[in-house]
Amino acid sequence: MKKAWMGVGIIAALLAGIIVFFLLALSHGEGNLEAEIGHTLGYWTVIPFVAILLCIAILPLAVGHWWEHNLHRGIVSFLCALPVFLYFIFSVDHGATALVSIFHEYYSFIILLAALFTISGGIYLDGDLRATPLVNTIFLAVGGIIASFIGTTGAAMLLIRPLLHTNSERHHVRHIYIFFIFVVANVGGALLPTGDPPLFMGFLRGVPFFWTLRLWVEWFTMLSILLAVFFVWDTLAFRKESLRDKLLDMQRVEPLRLYGKINFLLLGGVIASVVFLKEYEGMAVNLTWFREPVMIGLAILSYMLDRRRQEARKNPDELTPRERNKFTFAAIVEVAVLFAGIFVTMLPAICLLKANGASFGINQPWQFFWLAGTLSSFLDNAPTYVTFMSLGQGLNACVEGVKCVAATGVPESILIAISIGAVFMGANTYIGNAPNFMVKSIVEEAGVKMPSFGGYMLYSIGILIPLFGLITLIFLI
């Protein structure tokens, strides 16, 4: 039955992609269509967008058990999106064309996330190293580097369990997983569009794939300081551990073992499809049409390789990498359901900001950094990124002497501020970025008590906010 449903889902995804691309090919909207529509919209049209973001932020805290079911999330997403969908279809000139474009972005966005999520779920790192400050710092540093390539979610899921095993003999460990969320689940994903969802949204809206490597200075500065602070903090905490626990830790050392290595090749295939399957001038066929089907194929291949390994095993106690990871599709289904509503409801906000951005008085990089970052702390950072990118486009600031990013119409200094604000400040709360809460749940499942929502924010305010101030002074003023 599960195989049948999986097959239905795959066929549905492929058909949806074909339909979206077909409709997109038939649409004849102008390049500045969203700005044109924005001049005709009232500000009340952003109410559904605000409503869905508030629901995502508040309902998990207010009615957590009810919110756990994807059906309930889907109802909220549908009810918020329906008024915008109907209004654009029946009351907005070229509204249907704008909806087709946003559905195209949603399809590309969710397929990339699903592919990275599925393939990285087939990689499992096992072992128990000595729980020294140096080893823990190396864990975080490696996670902070690979997060840009396999995504913050993939890097977090790959490293959190071996980090838990390594530190299982220690008692003063809460800070380790808080810094893990800071570094691996957020800051580390700033270098490539595959690292964090907001950057991929930028790629879909015209930012060149490798442009984000321009953020390496800010990324390296933030990462280096966080790792240095962590090393000092963990050194002080390590001294508090009893001699018995330290001896026990030394006796239980097991070398690291990596399972599912072939999935790194498949992840490379996903990245290659994003980079190379695009429209080339003079080529009769637009290779972009093949990008999502290739990603789907790579994800299916990863999943089926694990299933074949599962069926071929002789020892029933031998677990596949996906079984060791306790892999399910629940998390990516949640993202797909919620973002369907987010993409539709954010369309009026995008149109309004593109049309009226210059009138808001927000035109300095540091303003974009703090505003985009603050909203990314409490709302999802992907739609926040798109919203402020649209505001940057509405400034009409790409004049002679101002360096802008490709055809986005956004000054480079402002896009840098938006990018690092959305990625870095997603670490400020548990709900700022999807992997944050996933890490918290896995850590608590392992028996480590994590701080409450407010307690976590005390750490982020005390550690991250001063660093963001430093980033502002060095790079954004």
Protein backbone atom coordinates (compact mmCIF):
# COMPACT_ATOMS: atom_id res chain seq x y z
CA MET A 1 0.00 0.00 0.00
CA LYS A 2 2.79 2.44 0.90
CA LYS A 3 4.55 1.69 -2.39
CA ALA A 4 1.33 2.35 -4.26
CA TRP A 5 0.82 5.70 -2.55
CA MET A 6 4.45 6.62 -3.19
CA GLY A 7 3.97 5.86 -6.88
CA VAL A 8 0.82 7.99 -6.97
CA GLY A 9 2.69 10.86 -5.30
CA ILE A 10 5.57 10.65 -7.77
CA ILE A 11 3.23 10.62 -10.77
CA ALA A 12 1.25 13.54 -9.32
CA ALA A 13 4.44 15.57 -8.80
CA LEU A 14 5.60 14.93 -12.37
CA LEU A 15 2.18 15.80 -13.82
CA ALA A 16 2.02 18.95 -11.71
CA GLY A 17 5.41 19.99 -13.02
CA ILE A 18 4.40 19.38 -16.63
CA ILE A 19 1.16 21.34 -16.17
CA VAL A 20 2.93 24.24 -14.46
CA PHE A 21 5.58 24.51 -17.15
CA PHE A 22 2.92 24.22 -19.88
CA LEU A 23 0.86 27.02 -18.36
CA LEU A 24 3.96 29.11 -17.85
CA ALA A 25 4.89 28.70 -21.49
CA LEU A 26 1.41 29.88 -22.53
CA SER A 27 1.41 32.91 -20.24
CA HIS A 28 2.53 36.21 -21.70
CA GLY A 29 3.05 38.34 -18.62
CA GLU A 30 5.58 41.13 -18.78
CA GLY A 31 8.75 40.98 -16.72
CA ASN A 32 7.47 43.72 -14.41
CA LEU A 33 4.01 42.21 -14.05
CA GLU A 34 4.11 41.98 -10.26
CA ALA A 35 4.90 45.70 -9.93
CA GLU A 36 2.06 46.56 -12.33
CA ILE A 37 -0.38 44.47 -10.31
CA GLY A 38 0.90 46.06 -7.10
CA HIS A 39 -0.31 49.49 -8.22
CA THR A 40 -3.88 48.14 -8.33
CA LEU A 41 -3.92 46.30 -4.98
CA GLY A 42 -5.10 47.53 -1.61
CA TYR A 43 -2.94 46.91 1.46
CA TRP A 44 -5.71 44.76 2.92
CA THR A 45 -4.69 42.00 0.49
CA VAL A 46 -1.67 41.16 2.68
CA ILE A 47 -3.94 40.12 5.59
CA PRO A 48 -3.97 36.40 4.58
CA PHE A 49 -0.14 36.45 4.37
CA VAL A 50 0.14 37.94 7.86
CA ALA A 51 -2.49 35.47 9.08
CA ILE A 52 -0.71 32.34 7.84
CA LEU A 53 2.65 33.47 9.23
CA LEU A 54 1.08 34.22 12.61
CA CYS A 55 -0.62 30.81 12.58
CA ILE A 56 2.72 29.11 11.91
CA ALA A 57 4.36 31.06 14.74
CA ILE A 58 1.59 30.83 17.36
CA LEU A 59 -0.38 27.60 16.83
CA PRO A 60 2.54 25.22 17.60
CA LEU A 61 2.82 26.94 20.99
CA ALA A 62 -0.89 27.44 21.66
CA VAL A 63 -2.37 24.15 20.38
CA GLY A 64 0.69 22.00 19.77
CA HIS A 65 -1.08 18.63 19.76
CA TRP A 66 -3.72 19.78 17.25
CA TRP A 67 -1.05 21.40 15.07
CA GLU A 68 0.98 18.18 14.84
CA HIS A 69 -1.36 16.73 12.20
CA ASN A 70 -0.60 17.68 8.61
CA LEU A 71 -4.31 17.62 7.82
CA HIS A 72 -4.87 20.46 10.27
CA ARG A 73 -1.91 22.39 8.88
CA GLY A 74 -3.37 21.85 5.42
CA ILE A 75 -6.74 23.25 6.49
CA VAL A 76 -5.09 26.42 7.85
CA SER A 77 -2.95 26.77 4.73
CA PHE A 78 -5.95 26.28 2.42
CA LEU A 79 -8.21 28.73 4.28
CA CYS A 80 -5.55 31.44 4.24
CA ALA A 81 -4.69 30.94 0.56
CA LEU A 82 -8.22 30.61 -0.83
CA PRO A 83 -9.23 34.31 -0.65
CA VAL A 84 -6.03 35.40 -2.42
CA PHE A 85 -6.38 32.72 -5.07
CA LEU A 86 -9.99 33.63 -5.86
CA TYR A 87 -9.28 37.36 -5.80
CA PHE A 88 -6.38 37.07 -8.25
CA ILE A 89 -8.34 34.76 -10.57
CA PHE A 90 -11.52 36.83 -10.78
CA SER A 91 -10.63 40.42 -9.84
CA VAL A 92 -7.02 41.16 -10.83
CA ASP A 93 -5.91 41.81 -14.40
CA HIS A 94 -3.27 39.20 -15.30
CA GLY A 95 -3.76 37.71 -11.83
CA ALA A 96 -3.88 34.18 -13.23
CA THR A 97 -0.51 34.71 -14.92
CA ALA A 98 0.99 35.89 -11.63
CA LEU A 99 -0.41 32.83 -9.86
CA VAL A 100 1.08 30.51 -12.49
CA SER A 101 4.49 32.12 -11.94
CA ILE A 102 4.26 31.73 -8.16
CA PHE A 103 3.14 28.08 -8.55
CA HIS A 104 6.18 27.53 -10.76
CA GLU A 105 8.42 28.88 -8.00
CA TYR A 106 6.65 26.72 -5.41
CA TYR A 107 7.11 23.60 -7.52
CA SER A 108 10.84 24.25 -7.99
CA PHE A 109 11.28 25.15 -4.33
CA ILE A 110 9.53 22.12 -2.87
CA ILE A 111 11.13 19.64 -5.28
CA LEU A 112 14.62 20.83 -4.32
CA LEU A 113 13.85 20.58 -0.60
CA ALA A 114 12.25 17.15 -1.02
CA ALA A 115 15.21 15.85 -3.04
CA LEU A 116 17.80 17.09 -0.53
CA PHE A 117 15.70 15.81 2.38
CA THR A 118 15.14 12.36 0.86
CA ILE A 119 18.72 11.80 -0.28
CA SER A 120 20.39 13.08 2.90
CA GLY A 121 18.05 10.82 4.88
CA GLY A 122 19.89 7.86 3.33
CA ILE A 123 23.21 8.91 4.89
CA TYR A 124 23.99 7.83 8.44
CA LEU A 125 27.07 8.65 10.49
CA ASP A 126 27.69 6.36 13.46
CA GLY A 127 30.34 6.33 16.15
CA ASP A 128 31.33 7.63 19.56
CA LEU A 129 34.39 9.85 19.77
CA ARG A 130 35.95 11.40 22.86
CA ALA A 131 33.72 14.21 24.03
CA THR A 132 36.42 16.85 24.26
CA PRO A 133 35.90 20.54 23.45
CA LEU A 134 38.12 20.16 20.36
CA VAL A 135 36.12 17.21 19.00
CA ASN A 136 32.81 19.01 19.60
CA THR A 137 34.12 22.15 17.92
CA ILE A 138 35.23 20.10 14.90
CA PHE A 139 31.74 18.57 14.73
CA LEU A 140 30.19 22.04 14.57
CA ALA A 141 32.78 23.33 12.10
CA VAL A 142 32.22 20.41 9.72
CA GLY A 143 28.46 20.92 9.98
CA GLY A 144 28.86 24.62 9.32
CA ILE A 145 30.76 23.86 6.12
CA ILE A 146 28.69 21.04 4.64
CA ALA A 147 25.37 22.77 5.43
CA SER A 148 25.74 24.93 2.33
CA PHE A 149 26.04 21.85 0.12
CA ILE A 150 23.50 19.39 1.55
CA GLY A 151 21.25 21.93 3.24
CA THR A 152 20.97 22.93 6.88
CA THR A 153 18.37 20.21 7.45
CA GLY A 154 20.55 17.52 5.85
CA ALA A 155 23.68 18.57 7.78
CA ALA A 156 21.78 18.76 11.06
CA MET A 157 20.19 15.34 10.62
CA LEU A 158 23.53 13.79 9.60
CA LEU A 159 25.54 15.07 12.57
CA ILE A 160 23.16 15.43 15.50
CA ARG A 161 22.99 11.73 16.42
CA PRO A 162 26.76 11.03 16.41
CA LEU A 163 27.19 14.25 18.39
CA LEU A 164 24.67 12.95 20.92
CA HIS A 165 26.48 9.58 21.10
CA THR A 166 29.83 11.30 21.55
CA ASN A 167 28.58 13.38 24.47
CA SER A 168 26.33 10.76 26.06
CA GLU A 169 28.70 10.30 29.04
CA ARG A 170 28.82 14.03 29.83
CA HIS A 171 26.25 15.90 31.93
CA HIS A 172 26.93 19.59 31.12
CA VAL A 173 25.93 19.49 27.46
CA ARG A 174 22.90 21.73 26.84
CA HIS A 175 25.05 24.48 25.35
CA ILE A 176 26.46 22.06 22.75
CA TYR A 177 23.10 21.61 21.05
CA ILE A 178 22.20 25.29 21.29
CA PHE A 179 25.41 26.17 19.43
CA PHE A 180 24.68 23.30 17.03
CA ILE A 181 21.41 25.02 16.10
CA PHE A 182 23.23 28.35 15.71
CA VAL A 183 26.00 26.97 13.48
CA VAL A 184 24.81 23.89 11.62
CA ALA A 185 21.07 24.56 11.34
CA ASN A 186 21.44 28.22 10.35
CA VAL A 187 24.69 30.16 9.83
CA GLY A 188 26.40 27.32 7.95
CA GLY A 189 23.88 27.40 5.09
CA ALA A 190 24.82 30.86 3.78
CA LEU A 191 27.19 29.97 0.93
CA LEU A 192 24.96 28.31 -1.69
CA PRO A 193 21.27 28.34 -2.67
CA THR A 194 21.13 24.65 -1.69
CA GLY A 195 22.13 25.59 1.85
CA ASP A 196 19.05 27.39 3.10
CA PRO A 197 15.55 27.83 1.56
CA PRO A 198 15.62 31.67 1.42
CA LEU A 199 18.73 31.60 -0.77
CA PHE A 200 17.11 29.15 -3.16
CA MET A 201 14.14 31.50 -3.37
CA GLY A 202 16.62 34.18 -4.44
CA PHE A 203 18.03 31.82 -7.08
CA LEU A 204 14.52 31.24 -8.46
CA ARG A 205 14.08 35.02 -8.69
CA GLY A 206 17.20 35.67 -10.70
CA VAL A 207 20.16 35.59 -8.30
CA PRO A 208 23.04 33.69 -9.99
CA PHE A 209 23.73 30.32 -8.32
CA PHE A 210 27.29 31.10 -7.27
CA TRP A 211 26.60 34.71 -6.26
CA THR A 212 26.03 33.60 -2.67
CA LEU A 213 29.71 32.63 -2.44
CA ARG A 214 30.12 36.41 -2.17
CA LEU A 215 28.84 36.00 1.39
CA TRP A 216 31.89 33.98 2.45
CA VAL A 217 33.43 36.87 4.39
CA GLU A 218 30.32 37.42 6.53
CA TRP A 219 29.83 33.64 6.81
CA PHE A 220 33.44 33.03 7.86
CA THR A 221 33.41 35.90 10.37
CA MET A 222 30.20 34.75 12.03
CA LEU A 223 31.20 31.08 12.00
CA SER A 224 34.70 31.71 13.38
CA ILE A 225 33.49 33.82 16.30
CA LEU A 226 30.72 31.36 17.17
CA LEU A 227 33.16 28.42 17.11
CA ALA A 228 35.66 30.34 19.26
CA VAL A 229 32.98 31.24 21.81
CA PHE A 230 31.76 27.64 21.80
CA PHE A 231 35.24 26.23 22.33
CA VAL A 232 35.79 28.42 25.40
CA TRP A 233 32.31 27.65 26.75
CA ASP A 234 32.69 23.90 26.22
CA THR A 235 36.17 23.93 27.77
CA LEU A 236 34.76 25.45 30.95
CA ALA A 237 31.85 22.97 30.92
CA PHE A 238 34.21 20.03 30.33
CA ARG A 239 36.13 20.91 33.49
CA LYS A 240 32.93 20.43 35.50
CA GLU A 241 32.55 16.82 34.39
CA SER A 242 33.47 14.19 36.96
CA LEU A 243 36.59 12.02 36.58
CA ARG A 244 34.34 8.96 36.39
CA ASP A 245 32.43 10.37 33.41
CA LYS A 246 35.64 11.31 31.61
CA LEU A 247 37.09 7.81 32.10
CA LEU A 248 33.82 6.24 30.94
CA ASP A 249 33.91 8.45 27.85
CA MET A 250 37.45 7.24 27.03
CA GLN A 251 36.43 3.58 27.39
CA ARG A 252 33.44 3.85 25.03
CA VAL A 253 35.24 5.33 22.05
CA GLU A 254 34.12 3.91 18.70
CA PRO A 255 35.45 5.08 15.31
CA LEU A 256 33.09 6.95 13.03
CA ARG A 257 31.42 4.86 10.32
CA LEU A 258 29.60 6.38 7.38
CA TYR A 259 26.72 4.50 5.76
CA GLY A 260 25.00 5.31 2.46
CA LYS A 261 28.01 6.98 0.84
CA ILE A 262 26.48 6.71 -2.64
CA ASN A 263 23.98 9.37 -1.60
CA PHE A 264 26.75 12.00 -1.67
CA LEU A 265 27.02 11.31 -5.39
CA LEU A 266 23.27 11.75 -5.72
CA LEU A 267 23.42 15.02 -3.76
CA GLY A 268 26.09 16.15 -6.20
CA GLY A 269 23.65 15.31 -8.98
CA VAL A 270 20.99 17.55 -7.41
CA ILE A 271 23.42 20.46 -7.15
CA ALA A 272 24.61 19.87 -10.73
CA SER A 273 21.01 19.88 -11.99
CA VAL A 274 20.42 23.27 -10.33
CA VAL A 275 23.63 24.73 -11.77
CA PHE A 276 23.60 23.34 -15.31
CA LEU A 277 19.96 22.61 -16.22
CA LYS A 278 18.95 26.12 -17.19
CA GLU A 279 18.10 28.13 -20.26
CA TYR A 280 21.06 28.75 -22.56
CA GLU A 281 21.04 31.44 -25.23
CA GLY A 282 20.80 29.94 -28.71
CA MET A 283 19.74 26.48 -27.51
CA ALA A 284 16.44 25.25 -28.94
CA VAL A 285 15.45 23.35 -25.78
CA ASN A 286 15.12 25.06 -22.39
CA LEU A 287 16.96 22.66 -20.07
CA THR A 288 15.18 24.16 -17.05
CA TRP A 289 12.26 21.91 -17.96
CA PHE A 290 14.35 18.87 -16.99
CA ARG A 291 15.66 20.20 -13.65
CA GLU A 292 12.87 19.09 -11.32
CA PRO A 293 12.26 15.70 -13.02
CA VAL A 294 15.99 14.94 -12.62
CA MET A 295 15.83 15.84 -8.93
CA ILE A 296 12.78 13.64 -8.46
CA GLY A 297 14.56 10.78 -10.22
CA LEU A 298 17.64 11.12 -7.99
CA ALA A 299 15.48 11.16 -4.84
CA ILE A 300 13.59 8.05 -5.99
CA LEU A 301 16.88 6.29 -6.77
CA SER A 302 18.19 7.06 -3.28
CA TYR A 303 15.02 5.75 -1.66
CA MET A 304 14.87 2.60 -3.78
CA LEU A 305 18.55 1.77 -3.12
CA ASP A 306 17.77 1.77 0.58
CA ARG A 307 14.65 -0.34 0.05
CA ARG A 308 16.64 -2.86 -2.00
CA ARG A 309 19.27 -2.99 0.75
CA GLN A 310 16.48 -3.57 3.26
CA GLU A 311 14.95 -6.42 1.27
CA ALA A 312 18.34 -8.08 0.59
CA ARG A 313 19.62 -8.15 4.16
CA LYS A 314 20.14 -11.55 5.74
CA ASN A 315 20.26 -10.36 9.32
CA PRO A 316 16.88 -8.92 10.39
CA ASP A 317 18.64 -6.79 13.04
CA GLU A 318 20.78 -5.07 10.41
CA LEU A 319 19.37 -1.60 9.81
CA THR A 320 19.61 0.50 6.67
CA PRO A 321 20.87 4.09 6.93
CA ARG A 322 17.31 5.37 6.54
CA GLU A 323 16.09 3.10 9.35
CA ARG A 324 18.95 4.22 11.57
CA ASN A 325 17.90 7.82 10.93
CA LYS A 326 14.26 6.93 11.73
CA PHE A 327 13.47 8.55 8.41
CA THR A 328 9.90 9.51 7.49
CA PHE A 329 8.42 11.94 4.98
CA ALA A 330 6.36 13.71 7.67
CA ALA A 331 8.63 16.75 7.90
CA ILE A 332 8.76 17.42 4.15
CA VAL A 333 4.99 16.90 3.84
CA GLU A 334 4.56 19.55 6.54
CA VAL A 335 6.77 21.96 4.59
CA ALA A 336 4.91 21.25 1.33
CA VAL A 337 1.50 21.81 2.91
CA LEU A 338 2.40 25.04 4.67
CA PHE A 339 4.40 26.55 1.84
CA ALA A 340 1.61 25.99 -0.66
CA GLY A 341 -0.37 28.51 1.37
CA ILE A 342 2.61 30.77 2.00
CA PHE A 343 3.48 31.10 -1.69
CA VAL A 344 -0.07 32.07 -2.67
CA THR A 345 -0.64 34.49 0.21
CA MET A 346 2.72 36.26 -0.17
CA LEU A 347 1.95 37.21 -3.79
CA PRO A 348 0.05 40.43 -2.89
CA ALA A 349 2.86 41.47 -0.53
CA ILE A 350 5.44 40.93 -3.28
CA CYS A 351 3.39 42.97 -5.76
CA LEU A 352 2.81 45.83 -3.32
CA LEU A 353 6.45 46.04 -2.28
CA LYS A 354 7.69 46.03 -5.86
CA ALA A 355 5.26 48.81 -6.72
CA ASN A 356 5.68 50.99 -3.63
CA GLY A 357 9.02 50.01 -2.07
CA ALA A 358 10.57 53.46 -2.42
CA SER A 359 7.86 55.06 -0.29
CA PHE A 360 8.59 53.04 2.87
CA GLY A 361 11.82 54.87 3.79
CA ILE A 362 13.79 51.63 4.13
CA ASN A 363 16.83 51.99 1.87
CA GLN A 364 19.97 51.22 3.89
CA PRO A 365 21.64 47.76 4.06
CA TRP A 366 21.63 47.71 7.87
CA GLN A 367 17.88 48.40 7.87
CA PHE A 368 17.25 45.45 5.56
CA PHE A 369 19.54 43.23 7.67
CA TRP A 370 17.75 43.90 10.95
CA LEU A 371 14.20 44.00 9.59
CA ALA A 372 14.58 40.86 7.45
CA GLY A 373 16.42 39.16 10.30
CA THR A 374 13.92 40.09 12.99
CA LEU A 375 10.98 38.77 10.98
CA SER A 376 12.98 35.66 10.06
CA SER A 377 13.39 35.01 13.77
CA PHE A 378 9.69 34.55 14.35
CA LEU A 379 8.28 33.84 10.91
CA ASP A 380 9.66 31.54 8.26
CA ASN A 381 12.85 32.96 6.74
CA ALA A 382 12.09 31.96 3.11
CA PRO A 383 8.98 34.14 2.59
CA THR A 384 10.63 36.88 4.65
CA TYR A 385 13.58 36.86 2.23
CA VAL A 386 11.28 37.13 -0.80
CA THR A 387 9.30 39.93 0.83
CA PHE A 388 12.36 42.08 1.49
CA MET A 389 13.89 41.23 -1.89
CA SER A 390 10.71 42.63 -3.42
CA LEU A 391 11.06 45.71 -1.24
CA GLY A 392 14.62 46.10 -2.52
CA GLN A 393 13.36 45.85 -6.10
CA GLY A 394 10.76 48.52 -5.35
CA LEU A 395 13.47 51.02 -4.46
CA ASN A 396 14.39 51.37 -8.16
CA ALA A 397 17.93 51.99 -6.94
CA CYS A 398 19.81 50.30 -9.80
CA VAL A 399 21.10 53.46 -11.40
CA GLU A 400 24.51 54.29 -12.84
CA GLY A 401 27.24 53.81 -10.25
CA VAL A 402 25.24 51.36 -8.11
CA LYS A 403 26.32 47.72 -8.35
CA CYS A 404 23.28 45.46 -8.69
CA VAL A 405 22.89 41.69 -8.77
CA ALA A 406 22.28 40.41 -12.30
CA ALA A 407 18.74 41.14 -13.46
CA THR A 408 17.15 41.18 -9.98
CA GLY A 409 17.04 44.96 -9.78
CA VAL A 410 18.40 44.86 -6.22
CA PRO A 411 21.63 46.63 -5.20
CA GLU A 412 24.27 44.11 -4.15
CA SER A 413 24.78 45.70 -0.73
CA ILE A 414 21.08 45.36 0.04
CA LEU A 415 20.81 41.77 -1.22
CA ILE A 416 23.81 40.83 0.95
CA ALA A 417 22.05 42.33 3.96
CA ILE A 418 18.79 40.51 3.22
CA SER A 419 20.58 37.20 2.63
CA ILE A 420 22.64 37.14 5.81
CA GLY A 421 19.78 38.59 7.84
CA ALA A 422 17.36 35.86 6.77
CA VAL A 423 19.91 33.03 7.15
CA PHE A 424 21.75 34.12 10.31
CA MET A 425 18.78 35.35 12.32
CA GLY A 426 16.75 32.23 11.65
CA ALA A 427 18.75 30.98 14.66
CA ASN A 428 17.17 33.45 17.08
CA THR A 429 14.22 31.22 17.99
CA TYR A 430 13.16 27.60 17.66
CA ILE A 431 10.68 28.56 14.91
CA GLY A 432 12.97 30.77 12.79
CA ASN A 433 14.16 27.87 10.63
CA ALA A 434 12.71 24.38 10.20
CA PRO A 435 15.77 22.38 11.43
CA ASN A 436 15.83 24.23 14.77
CA PHE A 437 12.80 22.50 16.22
CA MET A 438 13.78 19.17 14.65
CA VAL A 439 17.14 19.29 16.45
CA LYS A 440 15.41 20.21 19.71
CA SER A 441 13.05 17.22 19.40
CA ILE A 442 15.83 14.73 18.64
CA VAL A 443 17.99 16.00 21.50
CA GLU A 444 15.12 15.81 24.00
CA GLU A 445 14.25 12.33 22.72
CA ALA A 446 17.83 11.36 23.66
CA GLY A 447 17.22 12.52 27.24
CA VAL A 448 18.83 15.98 27.17
CA LYS A 449 16.60 18.73 28.54
CA MET A 450 16.61 21.70 26.18
CA PRO A 451 15.56 25.22 27.24
CA SER A 452 12.02 26.47 26.73
CA PHE A 453 11.13 28.83 23.90
CA GLY A 454 11.95 31.85 26.08
CA GLY A 455 14.95 30.14 27.62
CA TYR A 456 16.44 29.49 24.21
CA MET A 457 15.95 33.15 23.31
CA LEU A 458 18.02 34.16 26.33
CA TYR A 459 20.94 32.30 24.75
CA SER A 460 20.32 33.82 21.30
CA ILE A 461 19.94 37.35 22.70
CA GLY A 462 23.06 37.02 24.82
CA ILE A 463 25.25 35.39 22.16
CA LEU A 464 23.89 36.17 18.71
CA ILE A 465 22.54 39.71 19.00
CA PRO A 466 25.94 41.21 19.96
CA LEU A 467 27.51 39.33 17.03
CA PHE A 468 24.85 40.68 14.67
CA GLY A 469 25.70 44.16 15.94
CA LEU A 470 29.34 43.48 15.12
CA ILE A 471 28.41 42.22 11.62
CA THR A 472 26.43 45.43 11.12
CA LEU A 473 29.35 47.67 12.11
CA ILE A 474 31.90 45.77 10.02
CA PHE A 475 29.96 45.07 6.83
CA LEU A 476 26.71 47.02 6.60
CA ILE A 477 27.40 50.64 7.57
